[in-house]
Amino acid sequence: MISLILILLGFWGLALSMQRHAGHVGLKPPAWRPTPFRVAGWFLLGLSLVPCFVHPDWPIALVGWFGSCSLAAATVTLMITYYRPLRWPKFSIQSKHLSQ
């Protein structure tokens, strides 16, 4: 489970390191810096391998890691594709009764 969370965060970081995907989630070019996202993404993917090699049956855990990578990649792809930034409704404090 820890490995899956780390893989999800790693793929999300790698996706945000690309300008096209960063624009989809609302990061503007001045705030967008690809290097930290890329480094964090690869670091988290590498860190997600640690629980697999600590497991006593590490070859089977490694196969599970590849399956988790597939699941996480599909999840991040769907999240980027169908993500809509949260838009709050604009409320006006002024009304007809207050302005009279």
N, C-alpha and C. Protein backbone atom coordinates (compact mmCIF):
# COMPACT_ATOMS: atom_id res chain seq x y z
N MET A 1 0.82 -1.19 0.00
CA MET A 1 0.00 0.00 0.00
C MET A 1 0.87 1.25 0.00
N ILE A 2 1.92 1.25 0.79
CA ILE A 2 2.83 2.40 0.82
C ILE A 2 3.47 2.58 -0.55
N SER A 3 3.80 1.46 -1.16
CA SER A 3 4.42 1.51 -2.48
C SER A 3 3.48 2.12 -3.50
N LEU A 4 2.20 1.78 -3.45
CA LEU A 4 1.23 2.32 -4.40
C LEU A 4 1.07 3.83 -4.23
N ILE A 5 1.03 4.29 -3.01
CA ILE A 5 0.92 5.73 -2.76
C ILE A 5 2.15 6.47 -3.28
N LEU A 6 3.32 5.91 -3.03
CA LEU A 6 4.54 6.54 -3.53
C LEU A 6 4.58 6.55 -5.06
N ILE A 7 4.11 5.47 -5.68
CA ILE A 7 4.08 5.42 -7.14
C ILE A 7 3.11 6.47 -7.69
N LEU A 8 1.93 6.58 -7.07
CA LEU A 8 0.97 7.59 -7.51
C LEU A 8 1.56 8.99 -7.42
N LEU A 9 2.18 9.29 -6.30
CA LEU A 9 2.79 10.62 -6.14
C LEU A 9 3.95 10.82 -7.12
N GLY A 10 4.70 9.77 -7.38
CA GLY A 10 5.81 9.87 -8.33
C GLY A 10 5.32 10.14 -9.74
N PHE A 11 4.30 9.42 -10.18
CA PHE A 11 3.76 9.66 -11.52
C PHE A 11 3.10 11.03 -11.62
N TRP A 12 2.47 11.46 -10.52
CA TRP A 12 1.86 12.79 -10.52
C TRP A 12 2.94 13.87 -10.65
N GLY A 13 4.06 13.68 -9.96
CA GLY A 13 5.17 14.63 -10.07
C GLY A 13 5.77 14.64 -11.47
N LEU A 14 5.90 13.47 -12.08
CA LEU A 14 6.42 13.41 -13.44
C LEU A 14 5.45 14.05 -14.43
N ALA A 15 4.16 13.88 -14.21
CA ALA A 15 3.18 14.51 -15.09
C ALA A 15 3.24 16.03 -14.96
N LEU A 16 3.41 16.52 -13.73
CA LEU A 16 3.48 17.96 -13.53
C LEU A 16 4.78 18.56 -14.04
N SER A 17 5.77 17.73 -14.30
CA SER A 17 7.03 18.26 -14.84
C SER A 17 6.91 18.56 -16.33
N MET A 18 5.81 18.16 -16.95
CA MET A 18 5.56 18.47 -18.35
C MET A 18 4.63 19.66 -18.44
N GLN A 19 5.01 20.63 -19.27
CA GLN A 19 4.27 21.88 -19.33
C GLN A 19 2.81 21.68 -19.74
N ARG A 20 2.57 20.76 -20.63
CA ARG A 20 1.20 20.52 -21.09
C ARG A 20 0.30 20.05 -19.96
N HIS A 21 0.78 19.10 -19.18
CA HIS A 21 -0.02 18.58 -18.07
C HIS A 21 -0.10 19.57 -16.92
N ALA A 22 0.95 20.34 -16.71
CA ALA A 22 0.91 21.35 -15.65
C ALA A 22 -0.14 22.40 -15.97
N GLY A 23 -0.30 22.72 -17.25
CA GLY A 23 -1.33 23.67 -17.65
C GLY A 23 -2.73 23.12 -17.46
N HIS A 24 -2.90 21.80 -17.58
CA HIS A 24 -4.21 21.19 -17.38
C HIS A 24 -4.70 21.35 -15.96
N VAL A 25 -3.79 21.31 -15.01
CA VAL A 25 -4.22 21.40 -13.61
C VAL A 25 -4.11 22.82 -13.06
N GLY A 26 -3.78 23.77 -13.90
CA GLY A 26 -3.84 25.17 -13.51
C GLY A 26 -2.54 25.81 -13.08
N LEU A 27 -1.41 25.14 -13.26
CA LEU A 27 -0.13 25.79 -12.95
C LEU A 27 0.25 26.70 -14.10
N LYS A 28 0.44 27.95 -13.81
CA LYS A 28 0.80 28.93 -14.83
C LYS A 28 2.30 28.88 -15.09
N PRO A 29 2.75 29.28 -16.28
CA PRO A 29 4.18 29.21 -16.60
C PRO A 29 5.12 29.88 -15.62
N PRO A 30 4.81 31.05 -15.02
CA PRO A 30 5.77 31.60 -14.05
C PRO A 30 5.95 30.72 -12.81
N ALA A 31 4.87 30.05 -12.39
CA ALA A 31 4.95 29.20 -11.20
C ALA A 31 5.41 27.79 -11.54
N TRP A 32 5.49 27.49 -12.82
CA TRP A 32 5.81 26.14 -13.24
C TRP A 32 7.31 25.98 -13.40
N ARG A 33 7.89 25.08 -12.64
CA ARG A 33 9.31 24.75 -12.72
C ARG A 33 9.42 23.25 -12.89
N PRO A 34 9.90 22.78 -14.04
CA PRO A 34 9.87 21.33 -14.29
C PRO A 34 10.85 20.52 -13.45
N THR A 35 12.00 21.09 -13.12
CA THR A 35 13.04 20.29 -12.47
C THR A 35 12.63 19.75 -11.10
N PRO A 36 12.07 20.55 -10.19
CA PRO A 36 11.70 19.96 -8.89
C PRO A 36 10.66 18.85 -9.01
N PHE A 37 9.69 19.03 -9.91
CA PHE A 37 8.68 17.99 -10.09
C PHE A 37 9.29 16.73 -10.67
N ARG A 38 10.20 16.89 -11.61
CA ARG A 38 10.85 15.73 -12.24
C ARG A 38 11.71 14.98 -11.23
N VAL A 39 12.49 15.72 -10.46
CA VAL A 39 13.36 15.08 -9.45
C VAL A 39 12.52 14.39 -8.38
N ALA A 40 11.47 15.06 -7.92
CA ALA A 40 10.61 14.46 -6.90
C ALA A 40 9.90 13.22 -7.43
N GLY A 41 9.45 13.27 -8.68
CA GLY A 41 8.77 12.12 -9.28
C GLY A 41 9.66 10.90 -9.37
N TRP A 42 10.88 11.09 -9.89
CA TRP A 42 11.80 9.95 -10.00
C TRP A 42 12.24 9.47 -8.63
N PHE A 43 12.42 10.39 -7.69
CA PHE A 43 12.82 9.99 -6.33
C PHE A 43 11.73 9.13 -5.68
N LEU A 44 10.48 9.55 -5.84
CA LEU A 44 9.38 8.79 -5.24
C LEU A 44 9.20 7.43 -5.91
N LEU A 45 9.41 7.38 -7.22
CA LEU A 45 9.33 6.07 -7.90
C LEU A 45 10.45 5.14 -7.41
N GLY A 46 11.64 5.68 -7.24
CA GLY A 46 12.73 4.87 -6.72
C GLY A 46 12.49 4.44 -5.28
N LEU A 47 11.93 5.36 -4.50
CA LEU A 47 11.63 5.06 -3.10
C LEU A 47 10.53 4.00 -2.98
N SER A 48 9.66 3.94 -3.96
CA SER A 48 8.58 2.95 -3.91
C SER A 48 9.10 1.52 -4.12
N LEU A 49 10.31 1.39 -4.62
CA LEU A 49 10.89 0.06 -4.80
C LEU A 49 11.41 -0.54 -3.49
N VAL A 50 11.70 0.31 -2.52
CA VAL A 50 12.28 -0.17 -1.25
C VAL A 50 11.40 -1.19 -0.55
N PRO A 51 10.07 -0.95 -0.39
CA PRO A 51 9.26 -1.98 0.26
C PRO A 51 9.24 -3.31 -0.49
N CYS A 52 9.44 -3.27 -1.79
CA CYS A 52 9.45 -4.52 -2.56
C CYS A 52 10.69 -5.35 -2.25
N PHE A 53 11.83 -4.70 -2.11
CA PHE A 53 13.06 -5.45 -1.87
C PHE A 53 13.22 -5.84 -0.40
N VAL A 54 12.47 -5.20 0.49
CA VAL A 54 12.50 -5.58 1.89
C VAL A 54 11.63 -6.82 2.12
N HIS A 55 10.66 -7.02 1.27
CA HIS A 55 9.75 -8.17 1.37
C HIS A 55 10.55 -9.46 1.21
N PRO A 56 10.25 -10.49 2.01
CA PRO A 56 11.01 -11.74 1.91
C PRO A 56 10.90 -12.41 0.53
N ASP A 57 9.75 -12.30 -0.10
CA ASP A 57 9.56 -12.89 -1.43
C ASP A 57 9.63 -11.76 -2.46
N TRP A 58 10.82 -11.17 -2.60
CA TRP A 58 10.96 -9.96 -3.40
C TRP A 58 10.68 -10.13 -4.89
N PRO A 59 10.90 -11.30 -5.52
CA PRO A 59 10.52 -11.39 -6.95
C PRO A 59 9.02 -11.22 -7.18
N ILE A 60 8.22 -11.79 -6.31
CA ILE A 60 6.77 -11.62 -6.44
C ILE A 60 6.38 -10.18 -6.11
N ALA A 61 7.03 -9.59 -5.13
CA ALA A 61 6.75 -8.20 -4.79
C ALA A 61 7.12 -7.27 -5.94
N LEU A 62 8.16 -7.60 -6.67
CA LEU A 62 8.55 -6.79 -7.82
C LEU A 62 7.50 -6.87 -8.93
N VAL A 63 6.93 -8.04 -9.13
CA VAL A 63 5.84 -8.18 -10.10
C VAL A 63 4.63 -7.35 -9.66
N GLY A 64 4.35 -7.36 -8.36
CA GLY A 64 3.29 -6.52 -7.81
C GLY A 64 3.57 -5.05 -8.00
N TRP A 65 4.86 -4.68 -7.90
CA TRP A 65 5.24 -3.28 -8.10
C TRP A 65 4.95 -2.84 -9.54
N PHE A 66 5.26 -3.70 -10.51
CA PHE A 66 4.97 -3.37 -11.90
C PHE A 66 3.46 -3.26 -12.14
N GLY A 67 2.69 -4.12 -11.49
CA GLY A 67 1.24 -4.00 -11.58
C GLY A 67 0.74 -2.71 -10.95
N SER A 68 1.33 -2.33 -9.83
CA SER A 68 0.96 -1.07 -9.18
C SER A 68 1.32 0.12 -10.06
N CYS A 69 2.45 0.01 -10.77
CA CYS A 69 2.84 1.09 -11.70
C CYS A 69 1.80 1.24 -12.81
N SER A 70 1.30 0.14 -13.32
CA SER A 70 0.27 0.20 -14.36
C SER A 70 -1.00 0.83 -13.84
N LEU A 71 -1.41 0.43 -12.64
CA LEU A 71 -2.62 0.99 -12.03
C LEU A 71 -2.45 2.48 -11.76
N ALA A 72 -1.30 2.87 -11.24
CA ALA A 72 -1.06 4.27 -10.93
C ALA A 72 -0.98 5.12 -12.19
N ALA A 73 -0.36 4.60 -13.25
CA ALA A 73 -0.27 5.35 -14.50
C ALA A 73 -1.66 5.58 -15.09
N ALA A 74 -2.50 4.56 -15.03
CA ALA A 74 -3.87 4.73 -15.53
C ALA A 74 -4.65 5.72 -14.68
N THR A 75 -4.46 5.68 -13.37
CA THR A 75 -5.15 6.60 -12.47
C THR A 75 -4.72 8.04 -12.73
N VAL A 76 -3.43 8.28 -12.85
CA VAL A 76 -2.94 9.64 -13.09
C VAL A 76 -3.40 10.13 -14.46
N THR A 77 -3.41 9.25 -15.44
CA THR A 77 -3.90 9.63 -16.77
C THR A 77 -5.35 10.06 -16.73
N LEU A 78 -6.18 9.29 -16.04
CA LEU A 78 -7.59 9.66 -15.92
C LEU A 78 -7.78 10.93 -15.10
N MET A 79 -6.97 11.10 -14.05
CA MET A 79 -7.09 12.31 -13.24
C MET A 79 -6.74 13.55 -14.05
N ILE A 80 -5.70 13.47 -14.87
CA ILE A 80 -5.32 14.63 -15.68
C ILE A 80 -6.34 14.88 -16.78
N THR A 81 -6.88 13.80 -17.34
CA THR A 81 -7.84 13.95 -18.43
C THR A 81 -9.14 14.58 -17.96
N TYR A 82 -9.65 14.14 -16.82
CA TYR A 82 -10.97 14.58 -16.37
C TYR A 82 -10.92 15.58 -15.23
N TYR A 83 -9.76 16.12 -14.93
CA TYR A 83 -9.63 17.09 -13.85
C TYR A 83 -10.25 18.41 -14.27
N ARG A 84 -11.07 18.95 -13.43
CA ARG A 84 -11.62 20.29 -13.64
C ARG A 84 -11.29 21.10 -12.40
N PRO A 85 -10.63 22.23 -12.58
CA PRO A 85 -10.32 23.05 -11.40
C PRO A 85 -11.60 23.45 -10.67
N LEU A 86 -11.50 23.48 -9.38
CA LEU A 86 -12.65 23.82 -8.56
C LEU A 86 -12.94 25.31 -8.71
N ARG A 87 -14.12 25.61 -9.18
CA ARG A 87 -14.51 27.01 -9.36
C ARG A 87 -15.62 27.32 -8.35
N TRP A 88 -15.32 28.25 -7.48
CA TRP A 88 -16.29 28.62 -6.46
C TRP A 88 -17.28 29.61 -7.05
N PRO A 89 -18.55 29.50 -6.70
CA PRO A 89 -19.51 30.49 -7.20
C PRO A 89 -19.20 31.85 -6.59
N LYS A 90 -19.40 32.88 -7.38
CA LYS A 90 -19.12 34.24 -6.90
C LYS A 90 -20.39 34.79 -6.25
N PHE A 91 -20.26 35.10 -4.98
CA PHE A 91 -21.38 35.66 -4.25
C PHE A 91 -21.19 37.16 -4.16
N SER A 92 -22.27 37.85 -4.34
CA SER A 92 -22.24 39.30 -4.23
C SER A 92 -22.81 39.69 -2.88
N ILE A 93 -22.08 40.53 -2.18
CA ILE A 93 -22.54 41.00 -0.87
C ILE A 93 -23.65 42.02 -1.04
N GLN A 94 -23.59 42.76 -2.10
CA GLN A 94 -24.60 43.79 -2.33
C GLN A 94 -25.85 43.16 -2.88
N SER A 95 -26.95 43.63 -2.39
CA SER A 95 -28.24 43.20 -2.92
C SER A 95 -29.14 44.41 -3.04
N LYS A 96 -30.31 44.22 -3.58
CA LYS A 96 -31.21 45.35 -3.76
C LYS A 96 -31.63 45.94 -2.42
N HIS A 97 -31.78 45.11 -1.42
CA HIS A 97 -32.25 45.60 -0.12
C HIS A 97 -31.17 46.38 0.61
N LEU A 98 -29.91 46.02 0.43
CA LEU A 98 -28.84 46.72 1.12
C LEU A 98 -28.48 48.04 0.45
N SER A 99 -28.72 48.17 -0.83
CA SER A 99 -28.32 49.39 -1.53
C SER A 99 -29.32 50.51 -1.37
N GLN A 100 -30.54 50.25 -0.86
CA GLN A 100 -31.55 51.31 -0.70
C GLN A 100 -31.45 52.02 0.59
